Amino acid sequence: MTLKDKVIWITGASSGIGKSLAIELSKLDTKLILSSRKKNILEEVKQLCEHPENVKIVTLDLEDYMNFSKIVEEAITAFGKIDILVNNGGISQRALAIDTNITTDKKIMDINYMGTMALTKTLLPHFIKNNSGHFVTVTSVVGKVATPVRSSYSASKHALHGFFDSLRAEVYKNNISVTLICPGYVRTNISMNAVIGDGSKQNKMDTATDKGISPDVFAKKMIRVIEKRKNEVTIGGTKEIGSVILKRLSPKLLAKLVRKVNVT
C-alpha cells in the first residue's frame, strides 16, 4: 500500500519515534496531523518536515481522555478525513512495584492505555463511515515480555495488545486494519521522561536505551510495516526479538533470564 496522499495522525509527535516518523513520512507526499501537549515543539517538528504546508498541529493530552470529541473533530476537519491513526504517545516507568504510588500507577494506565483506547474509539466511527482506516499502535517489547521496574508500564502495554487484538477482529468487516508495533530499545528520551515511584521524572538516560537503535532507523522500518498493514511486528535488537520468541518456546527459561535483566 502506498502512503502517498494519505492523511496520517501521529500522537506523541514532539520527540523520539513520533518526531522521526513525521519527518520520514513527510518525504512520501503524505498529509500529517501532529499531536502532543507541546504546541511550540510541534511547530519546530513541522518546520523539519519536507512539506510543512501539508502538516497540521492539533494539541492533545492523552490523560484528558474524557474530552476527545472536539479534538477528533478538529483533526478530521484539518484535511477532511483521516486515513491512519498512529497511537504513539505515552510515558514509561523506572521503579519497583513496591515503591510505586498507586497514583503513579493510575497516571501510567490513564495515559498509555485509557488515553490511547479512548482516542481510538472516538475516531472509530469516522473509519466505519468511510469503510476504511488503519490503527497503528506503538506498544513495547515489554508488552510481550515484562521486565523489572516497569510493572505498570508493562501492564499498560499488555492492555493495549488485548484491546487492539480484539478490535482487529471486530472491524475486519469494515475494511479497517490494526497494526501493533513493539519497539525494543530505541535511542530516545523515553528513559529521561520515565516516571519513578512518586510520579516525578527519572531525568537520566538508561544505558540500554542509549545503546538502542536510532529513532530515524526505527521510523523507516515502521513505515514499511505500515505500508504492508501487518498485524504485529517487533522492531529492535537481537535480545529483544529473541525474548519474544523465547517466551513462546520456553517461558520458564525466559523467567529465569528476566530476573537478570540490567534495568539501568
C-alpha atoms as a PDB file:
ATOM      1  CA  MET A   1       0.000   0.000   0.000  1.00  0.00           C
ATOM      2  CA  THR A   2       1.359   3.407  -0.940  1.00  0.00           C
ATOM      3  CA  LEU A   3       1.124   6.144   1.672  1.00  0.00           C
ATOM      4  CA  LYS A   4       1.114   8.950  -0.903  1.00  0.00           C
ATOM      5  CA  ASP A   5      -1.681  11.452  -0.177  1.00  0.00           C
ATOM      6  CA  LYS A   6      -2.744   9.554   2.963  1.00  0.00           C
ATOM      7  CA  VAL A   7      -3.804  11.651   5.948  1.00  0.00           C
ATOM      8  CA  ILE A   8      -1.877  10.353   8.944  1.00  0.00           C
ATOM      9  CA  TRP A   9      -2.431  11.473  12.543  1.00  0.00           C
ATOM     10  CA  ILE A  10       0.526  10.906  14.896  1.00  0.00           C
ATOM     11  CA  THR A  11       0.314  11.266  18.668  1.00  0.00           C
ATOM     12  CA  GLY A  12       3.464  11.801  20.724  1.00  0.00           C
ATOM     13  CA  ALA A  13       4.895  13.622  17.703  1.00  0.00           C
ATOM     14  CA  SER A  14       7.020  16.171  19.550  1.00  0.00           C
ATOM     15  CA  SER A  15      10.036  13.899  20.088  1.00  0.00           C
ATOM     16  CA  GLY A  16      11.538  10.451  19.674  1.00  0.00           C
ATOM     17  CA  ILE A  17       9.804   7.938  17.433  1.00  0.00           C
ATOM     18  CA  GLY A  18       6.890  10.272  16.694  1.00  0.00           C
ATOM     19  CA  LYS A  19       9.142  13.109  15.562  1.00  0.00           C
ATOM     20  CA  SER A  20      11.281  10.853  13.355  1.00  0.00           C
ATOM     21  CA  LEU A  21       8.198   9.194  11.919  1.00  0.00           C
ATOM     22  CA  ALA A  22       6.702  12.577  10.993  1.00  0.00           C
ATOM     23  CA  ILE A  23       9.880  13.681   9.221  1.00  0.00           C
ATOM     24  CA  GLU A  24      10.181  10.410   7.282  1.00  0.00           C
ATOM     25  CA  LEU A  25       6.503  10.344   6.321  1.00  0.00           C
ATOM     26  CA  SER A  26       6.708  13.930   5.089  1.00  0.00           C
ATOM     27  CA  LYS A  27       9.079  12.706   2.373  1.00  0.00           C
ATOM     28  CA  LEU A  28       6.339  10.438   0.979  1.00  0.00           C
ATOM     29  CA  ASP A  29       3.864  13.161  -0.007  1.00  0.00           C
ATOM     30  CA  THR A  30       1.594  12.437   2.928  1.00  0.00           C
ATOM     31  CA  LYS A  31      -0.582  14.866   4.841  1.00  0.00           C
ATOM     32  CA  LEU A  32       0.219  14.882   8.549  1.00  0.00           C
ATOM     33  CA  ILE A  33      -1.536  15.832  11.765  1.00  0.00           C
ATOM     34  CA  LEU A  34       0.895  16.096  14.682  1.00  0.00           C
ATOM     35  CA  SER A  35      -0.252  15.896  18.286  1.00  0.00           C
ATOM     36  CA  SER A  36       1.201  16.163  21.776  1.00  0.00           C
ATOM     37  CA  ARG A  37       0.769  18.573  24.672  1.00  0.00           C
ATOM     38  CA  LYS A  38       3.602  20.830  23.460  1.00  0.00           C
ATOM     39  CA  LYS A  39       2.410  23.071  20.627  1.00  0.00           C
ATOM     40  CA  ASN A  40       5.650  25.060  20.413  1.00  0.00           C
ATOM     41  CA  ILE A  41       7.751  21.924  19.954  1.00  0.00           C
ATOM     42  CA  LEU A  42       5.280  20.533  17.419  1.00  0.00           C
ATOM     43  CA  GLU A  43       5.773  23.749  15.440  1.00  0.00           C
ATOM     44  CA  GLU A  44       9.508  23.007  15.366  1.00  0.00           C
ATOM     45  CA  VAL A  45       8.869  19.455  14.161  1.00  0.00           C
ATOM     46  CA  LYS A  46       6.545  20.802  11.478  1.00  0.00           C
ATOM     47  CA  GLN A  47       9.313  23.018  10.103  1.00  0.00           C
ATOM     48  CA  LEU A  48      11.621  19.997   9.894  1.00  0.00           C
ATOM     49  CA  CYS A  49       9.123  18.204   7.656  1.00  0.00           C
ATOM     50  CA  GLU A  50       9.709  18.267   3.905  1.00  0.00           C
ATOM     51  CA  HIS A  51       6.344  19.856   3.140  1.00  0.00           C
ATOM     52  CA  PRO A  52       5.324  21.874   6.226  1.00  0.00           C
ATOM     53  CA  GLU A  53       2.317  23.226   4.336  1.00  0.00           C
ATOM     54  CA  ASN A  54       0.929  19.684   4.468  1.00  0.00           C
ATOM     55  CA  VAL A  55       1.306  19.453   8.249  1.00  0.00           C
ATOM     56  CA  LYS A  56      -1.343  20.493  10.772  1.00  0.00           C
ATOM     57  CA  ILE A  57      -0.983  20.672  14.546  1.00  0.00           C
ATOM     58  CA  VAL A  58      -3.654  19.526  16.987  1.00  0.00           C
ATOM     59  CA  THR A  59      -2.671  19.682  20.663  1.00  0.00           C
ATOM     60  CA  LEU A  60      -3.692  16.673  22.707  1.00  0.00           C
ATOM     61  CA  ASP A  61      -3.293  15.480  26.288  1.00  0.00           C
ATOM     62  CA  LEU A  62      -3.873  11.718  26.434  1.00  0.00           C
ATOM     63  CA  GLU A  63      -4.562  11.932  30.154  1.00  0.00           C
ATOM     64  CA  ASP A  64      -7.623  14.095  29.436  1.00  0.00           C
ATOM     65  CA  TYR A  65      -9.342  11.187  27.683  1.00  0.00           C
ATOM     66  CA  MET A  66     -12.913  12.154  28.566  1.00  0.00           C
ATOM     67  CA  ASN A  67     -12.750  15.181  26.269  1.00  0.00           C
ATOM     68  CA  PHE A  68     -11.621  13.892  22.887  1.00  0.00           C
ATOM     69  CA  SER A  69     -14.720  14.560  20.769  1.00  0.00           C
ATOM     70  CA  LYS A  70     -13.833  18.143  19.799  1.00  0.00           C
ATOM     71  CA  ILE A  71     -10.173  17.224  19.271  1.00  0.00           C
ATOM     72  CA  VAL A  72     -11.111  14.417  16.872  1.00  0.00           C
ATOM     73  CA  GLU A  73     -13.458  16.783  15.018  1.00  0.00           C
ATOM     74  CA  GLU A  74     -10.616  19.291  14.711  1.00  0.00           C
ATOM     75  CA  ALA A  75      -8.270  16.618  13.377  1.00  0.00           C
ATOM     76  CA  ILE A  76     -10.789  15.373  10.789  1.00  0.00           C
ATOM     77  CA  THR A  77     -11.523  18.944   9.676  1.00  0.00           C
ATOM     78  CA  ALA A  78      -7.818  19.647   9.091  1.00  0.00           C
ATOM     79  CA  PHE A  79      -7.793  17.707   5.794  1.00  0.00           C
ATOM     80  CA  GLY A  80     -11.395  16.488   5.578  1.00  0.00           C
ATOM     81  CA  LYS A  81     -10.591  12.920   6.618  1.00  0.00           C
ATOM     82  CA  ILE A  82      -8.110  10.696   8.433  1.00  0.00           C
ATOM     83  CA  ASP A  83      -6.722   7.516   6.877  1.00  0.00           C
ATOM     84  CA  ILE A  84      -4.288   6.340   9.564  1.00  0.00           C
ATOM     85  CA  LEU A  85      -4.032   6.990  13.309  1.00  0.00           C
ATOM     86  CA  VAL A  86      -0.606   6.315  14.798  1.00  0.00           C
ATOM     87  CA  ASN A  87      -1.036   5.880  18.556  1.00  0.00           C
ATOM     88  CA  ASN A  88       2.486   6.704  19.669  1.00  0.00           C
ATOM     89  CA  GLY A  89       2.080   8.935  22.739  1.00  0.00           C
ATOM     90  CA  GLY A  90       2.818   7.624  26.219  1.00  0.00           C
ATOM     91  CA  ILE A  91       5.138   7.567  29.228  1.00  0.00           C
ATOM     92  CA  SER A  92       7.443   4.938  30.704  1.00  0.00           C
ATOM     93  CA  GLN A  93       8.357   3.880  34.242  1.00  0.00           C
ATOM     94  CA  ARG A  94      11.506   3.125  36.229  1.00  0.00           C
ATOM     95  CA  ALA A  95      10.524   1.942  39.726  1.00  0.00           C
ATOM     96  CA  LEU A  96       9.882  -1.259  41.634  1.00  0.00           C
ATOM     97  CA  ALA A  97       6.205  -2.121  42.082  1.00  0.00           C
ATOM     98  CA  ILE A  98       6.511  -1.837  45.856  1.00  0.00           C
ATOM     99  CA  ASP A  99       7.939   1.689  45.522  1.00  0.00           C
ATOM    100  CA  THR A 100       5.361   2.974  43.023  1.00  0.00           C
ATOM    101  CA  ASN A 101       2.472   5.045  44.375  1.00  0.00           C
ATOM    102  CA  ILE A 102      -0.968   3.973  43.239  1.00  0.00           C
ATOM    103  CA  THR A 103      -1.467   7.465  41.803  1.00  0.00           C
ATOM    104  CA  THR A 104       1.587   6.898  39.610  1.00  0.00           C
ATOM    105  CA  ASP A 105       0.217   3.514  38.531  1.00  0.00           C
ATOM    106  CA  LYS A 106      -3.037   5.224  37.578  1.00  0.00           C
ATOM    107  CA  LYS A 107      -1.273   8.002  35.660  1.00  0.00           C
ATOM    108  CA  ILE A 108       0.623   5.479  33.549  1.00  0.00           C
ATOM    109  CA  MET A 109      -2.525   3.495  32.791  1.00  0.00           C
ATOM    110  CA  ASP A 110      -4.544   6.641  32.080  1.00  0.00           C
ATOM    111  CA  ILE A 111      -2.053   7.950  29.523  1.00  0.00           C
ATOM    112  CA  ASN A 112      -0.796   4.765  27.907  1.00  0.00           C
ATOM    113  CA  TYR A 113      -3.961   2.681  27.875  1.00  0.00           C
ATOM    114  CA  MET A 114      -7.076   4.735  28.624  1.00  0.00           C
ATOM    115  CA  GLY A 115      -5.962   7.718  26.522  1.00  0.00           C
ATOM    116  CA  THR A 116      -4.955   5.603  23.553  1.00  0.00           C
ATOM    117  CA  MET A 117      -8.074   3.441  23.763  1.00  0.00           C
ATOM    118  CA  ALA A 118     -10.374   6.465  24.123  1.00  0.00           C
ATOM    119  CA  LEU A 119      -8.838   8.293  21.166  1.00  0.00           C
ATOM    120  CA  THR A 120      -9.162   5.167  19.042  1.00  0.00           C
ATOM    121  CA  LYS A 121     -12.818   4.685  19.986  1.00  0.00           C
ATOM    122  CA  THR A 122     -13.626   8.341  19.344  1.00  0.00           C
ATOM    123  CA  LEU A 123     -12.133   8.150  15.834  1.00  0.00           C
ATOM    124  CA  LEU A 124     -13.571   4.697  15.073  1.00  0.00           C
ATOM    125  CA  PRO A 125     -16.998   5.908  13.788  1.00  0.00           C
ATOM    126  CA  HIS A 126     -15.156   8.019  11.164  1.00  0.00           C
ATOM    127  CA  PHE A 127     -13.316   4.927   9.914  1.00  0.00           C
ATOM    128  CA  ILE A 128     -16.504   2.855   9.904  1.00  0.00           C
ATOM    129  CA  LYS A 129     -18.362   5.562   7.979  1.00  0.00           C
ATOM    130  CA  ASN A 130     -15.594   5.607   5.357  1.00  0.00           C
ATOM    131  CA  ASN A 131     -15.358   1.792   5.325  1.00  0.00           C
ATOM    132  CA  SER A 132     -11.611   2.308   5.543  1.00  0.00           C
ATOM    133  CA  GLY A 133      -8.933   3.087   8.111  1.00  0.00           C
ATOM    134  CA  HIS A 134      -5.796   1.906   9.834  1.00  0.00           C
ATOM    135  CA  PHE A 135      -4.945   1.996  13.534  1.00  0.00           C
ATOM    136  CA  VAL A 136      -1.189   1.753  14.163  1.00  0.00           C
ATOM    137  CA  THR A 137      -0.305   1.458  17.840  1.00  0.00           C
ATOM    138  CA  VAL A 138       3.193   1.602  19.282  1.00  0.00           C
ATOM    139  CA  THR A 139       3.356  -0.709  22.285  1.00  0.00           C
ATOM    140  CA  SER A 140       6.651  -2.189  23.510  1.00  0.00           C
ATOM    141  CA  VAL A 141       8.565  -5.425  23.809  1.00  0.00           C
ATOM    142  CA  VAL A 142       7.601  -5.246  27.495  1.00  0.00           C
ATOM    143  CA  GLY A 143       4.009  -5.517  26.298  1.00  0.00           C
ATOM    144  CA  LYS A 144       5.038  -9.072  25.422  1.00  0.00           C
ATOM    145  CA  VAL A 145       7.865  -9.736  27.910  1.00  0.00           C
ATOM    146  CA  ALA A 146       7.600  -7.897  31.239  1.00  0.00           C
ATOM    147  CA  THR A 147      10.829  -6.870  32.964  1.00  0.00           C
ATOM    148  CA  PRO A 148      11.699  -5.432  36.402  1.00  0.00           C
ATOM    149  CA  VAL A 149      10.956  -1.788  37.344  1.00  0.00           C
ATOM    150  CA  ARG A 150       8.352  -1.485  34.601  1.00  0.00           C
ATOM    151  CA  SER A 151       5.350  -3.188  36.207  1.00  0.00           C
ATOM    152  CA  SER A 152       2.675  -0.599  35.406  1.00  0.00           C
ATOM    153  CA  TYR A 153       4.267   0.397  32.112  1.00  0.00           C
ATOM    154  CA  SER A 154       4.294  -3.245  31.076  1.00  0.00           C
ATOM    155  CA  ALA A 155       0.700  -3.662  32.261  1.00  0.00           C
ATOM    156  CA  SER A 156      -0.419  -0.685  30.157  1.00  0.00           C
ATOM    157  CA  LYS A 157       1.251  -2.130  27.070  1.00  0.00           C
ATOM    158  CA  HIS A 158      -0.188  -5.612  27.674  1.00  0.00           C
ATOM    159  CA  ALA A 159      -3.615  -3.946  27.928  1.00  0.00           C
ATOM    160  CA  LEU A 160      -3.114  -2.326  24.525  1.00  0.00           C
ATOM    161  CA  HIS A 161      -2.431  -5.732  22.985  1.00  0.00           C
ATOM    162  CA  GLY A 162      -5.634  -7.102  24.462  1.00  0.00           C
ATOM    163  CA  PHE A 163      -7.736  -4.177  23.271  1.00  0.00           C
ATOM    164  CA  PHE A 164      -6.347  -3.927  19.758  1.00  0.00           C
ATOM    165  CA  ASP A 165      -6.281  -7.686  19.112  1.00  0.00           C
ATOM    166  CA  SER A 166      -9.976  -7.733  19.972  1.00  0.00           C
ATOM    167  CA  LEU A 167     -10.692  -4.603  17.942  1.00  0.00           C
ATOM    168  CA  ARG A 168      -8.918  -6.076  14.904  1.00  0.00           C
ATOM    169  CA  ALA A 169     -11.368  -8.962  14.838  1.00  0.00           C
ATOM    170  CA  GLU A 170     -14.351  -6.642  15.289  1.00  0.00           C
ATOM    171  CA  VAL A 171     -13.540  -4.186  12.496  1.00  0.00           C
ATOM    172  CA  TYR A 172     -12.203  -6.556   9.842  1.00  0.00           C
ATOM    173  CA  LYS A 173     -15.590  -6.443   8.129  1.00  0.00           C
ATOM    174  CA  ASN A 174     -15.295  -2.643   7.907  1.00  0.00           C
ATOM    175  CA  ASN A 175     -12.024  -2.797   5.946  1.00  0.00           C
ATOM    176  CA  ILE A 176     -10.149  -1.371   8.951  1.00  0.00           C
ATOM    177  CA  SER A 177      -6.649  -2.628   9.760  1.00  0.00           C
ATOM    178  CA  VAL A 178      -4.943  -2.801  13.150  1.00  0.00           C
ATOM    179  CA  THR A 179      -1.153  -2.916  13.464  1.00  0.00           C
ATOM    180  CA  LEU A 180       0.748  -3.340  16.727  1.00  0.00           C
ATOM    181  CA  ILE A 181       4.398  -2.292  16.684  1.00  0.00           C
ATOM    182  CA  CYS A 182       6.583  -3.427  19.581  1.00  0.00           C
ATOM    183  CA  PRO A 183       9.822  -1.431  19.892  1.00  0.00           C
ATOM    184  CA  GLY A 184      12.841  -2.772  21.668  1.00  0.00           C
ATOM    185  CA  TYR A 185      15.434  -0.261  22.816  1.00  0.00           C
ATOM    186  CA  VAL A 186      15.272   2.949  20.761  1.00  0.00           C
ATOM    187  CA  ARG A 187      17.618   5.870  21.460  1.00  0.00           C
ATOM    188  CA  THR A 188      15.030   8.444  22.538  1.00  0.00           C
ATOM    189  CA  ASN A 189      14.337  10.412  25.708  1.00  0.00           C
ATOM    190  CA  ILE A 190      11.828   7.814  26.923  1.00  0.00           C
ATOM    191  CA  SER A 191      14.005   6.895  29.909  1.00  0.00           C
ATOM    192  CA  MET A 192      14.744  10.559  30.684  1.00  0.00           C
ATOM    193  CA  ASN A 193      10.994  11.232  30.872  1.00  0.00           C
ATOM    194  CA  ALA A 194      10.107   7.966  32.594  1.00  0.00           C
ATOM    195  CA  VAL A 195       8.390   8.358  35.952  1.00  0.00           C
ATOM    196  CA  ILE A 196       9.739   6.947  39.192  1.00  0.00           C
ATOM    197  CA  GLY A 197       7.660   5.808  42.149  1.00  0.00           C
ATOM    198  CA  ASP A 198       6.404   9.223  43.240  1.00  0.00           C
ATOM    199  CA  GLY A 199       5.477  10.247  39.701  1.00  0.00           C
ATOM    200  CA  SER A 200       8.423  12.584  39.117  1.00  0.00           C
ATOM    201  CA  LYS A 201      10.740  12.173  36.129  1.00  0.00           C
ATOM    202  CA  GLN A 202      13.799   9.936  36.281  1.00  0.00           C
ATOM    203  CA  ASN A 203      15.837  12.574  34.385  1.00  0.00           C
ATOM    204  CA  LYS A 204      18.604  10.219  33.298  1.00  0.00           C
ATOM    205  CA  MET A 205      19.332   8.081  30.267  1.00  0.00           C
ATOM    206  CA  ASP A 206      19.321   4.301  30.661  1.00  0.00           C
ATOM    207  CA  THR A 207      22.435   2.560  29.343  1.00  0.00           C
ATOM    208  CA  ALA A 208      20.366   0.097  27.317  1.00  0.00           C
ATOM    209  CA  THR A 209      18.242   2.870  25.822  1.00  0.00           C
ATOM    210  CA  ASP A 210      21.331   4.894  24.937  1.00  0.00           C
ATOM    211  CA  LYS A 211      22.662   1.869  23.016  1.00  0.00           C
ATOM    212  CA  GLY A 212      19.380   1.288  21.196  1.00  0.00           C
ATOM    213  CA  ILE A 213      18.689   1.827  17.508  1.00  0.00           C
ATOM    214  CA  SER A 214      18.233   5.380  16.309  1.00  0.00           C
ATOM    215  CA  PRO A 215      14.660   6.688  16.024  1.00  0.00           C
ATOM    216  CA  ASP A 216      15.296   7.546  12.357  1.00  0.00           C
ATOM    217  CA  VAL A 217      16.152   3.932  11.550  1.00  0.00           C
ATOM    218  CA  PHE A 218      13.191   2.773  13.590  1.00  0.00           C
ATOM    219  CA  ALA A 219      10.845   5.147  11.735  1.00  0.00           C
ATOM    220  CA  LYS A 220      11.936   3.834   8.323  1.00  0.00           C
ATOM    221  CA  LYS A 221      11.316   0.249   9.424  1.00  0.00           C
ATOM    222  CA  MET A 222       7.989   1.251  10.939  1.00  0.00           C
ATOM    223  CA  ILE A 223       6.848   2.833   7.675  1.00  0.00           C
ATOM    224  CA  ARG A 224       7.461  -0.431   5.821  1.00  0.00           C
ATOM    225  CA  VAL A 225       5.310  -2.237   8.385  1.00  0.00           C
ATOM    226  CA  ILE A 226       2.515   0.322   7.991  1.00  0.00           C
ATOM    227  CA  GLU A 227       2.618   0.006   4.209  1.00  0.00           C
ATOM    228  CA  LYS A 228       2.233  -3.770   4.484  1.00  0.00           C
ATOM    229  CA  ARG A 229      -0.586  -3.445   7.062  1.00  0.00           C
ATOM    230  CA  LYS A 230       0.945  -6.202   9.178  1.00  0.00           C
ATOM    231  CA  ASN A 231      -0.867  -7.320  12.330  1.00  0.00           C
ATOM    232  CA  GLU A 232       2.104  -7.186  14.702  1.00  0.00           C
ATOM    233  CA  VAL A 233       5.842  -6.635  14.389  1.00  0.00           C
ATOM    234  CA  THR A 234       8.721  -6.377  16.867  1.00  0.00           C
ATOM    235  CA  ILE A 235      11.433  -3.901  15.900  1.00  0.00           C
ATOM    236  CA  GLY A 236      14.611  -3.955  17.946  1.00  0.00           C
ATOM    237  CA  GLY A 237      17.877  -5.705  18.658  1.00  0.00           C
ATOM    238  CA  THR A 238      18.596  -9.424  18.745  1.00  0.00           C
ATOM    239  CA  LYS A 239      17.977  -9.719  22.502  1.00  0.00           C
ATOM    240  CA  GLU A 240      14.582  -8.021  22.394  1.00  0.00           C
ATOM    241  CA  ILE A 241      13.347 -10.007  19.402  1.00  0.00           C
ATOM    242  CA  GLY A 242      14.803 -13.189  20.876  1.00  0.00           C
ATOM    243  CA  SER A 243      12.993 -12.665  24.176  1.00  0.00           C
ATOM    244  CA  VAL A 244       9.624 -12.551  22.411  1.00  0.00           C
ATOM    245  CA  ILE A 245      10.409 -15.807  20.617  1.00  0.00           C
ATOM    246  CA  LEU A 246      11.729 -17.433  23.800  1.00  0.00           C
ATOM    247  CA  LYS A 247       8.519 -16.608  25.657  1.00  0.00           C
ATOM    248  CA  ARG A 248       6.658 -18.857  23.227  1.00  0.00           C
ATOM    249  CA  LEU A 249       9.255 -21.623  23.233  1.00  0.00           C
ATOM    250  CA  SER A 250      10.345 -21.728  26.875  1.00  0.00           C
ATOM    251  CA  PRO A 251       8.546 -19.379  29.310  1.00  0.00           C
ATOM    252  CA  LYS A 252      10.345 -20.948  32.273  1.00  0.00           C
ATOM    253  CA  LEU A 253      13.792 -20.212  30.850  1.00  0.00           C
ATOM    254  CA  LEU A 254      12.731 -16.686  29.953  1.00  0.00           C
ATOM    255  CA  ALA A 255      11.531 -16.088  33.512  1.00  0.00           C
ATOM    256  CA  LYS A 256      14.993 -17.002  34.803  1.00  0.00           C
ATOM    257  CA  LEU A 257      16.709 -14.712  32.318  1.00  0.00           C
ATOM    258  CA  VAL A 258      14.401 -11.767  33.041  1.00  0.00           C
ATOM    259  CA  ARG A 259      15.479 -11.803  36.694  1.00  0.00           C
ATOM    260  CA  LYS A 260      18.990 -10.943  35.496  1.00  0.00           C
ATOM    261  CA  VAL A 261      17.999  -8.122  33.145  1.00  0.00           C
ATOM    262  CA  ASN A 262      20.053  -4.964  33.614  1.00  0.00           C
ATOM    263  CA  VAL A 263      17.331  -2.385  34.169  1.00  0.00           C
ATOM    264  CA  THR A 264      19.548   0.706  34.258  1.00  0.00           C
END
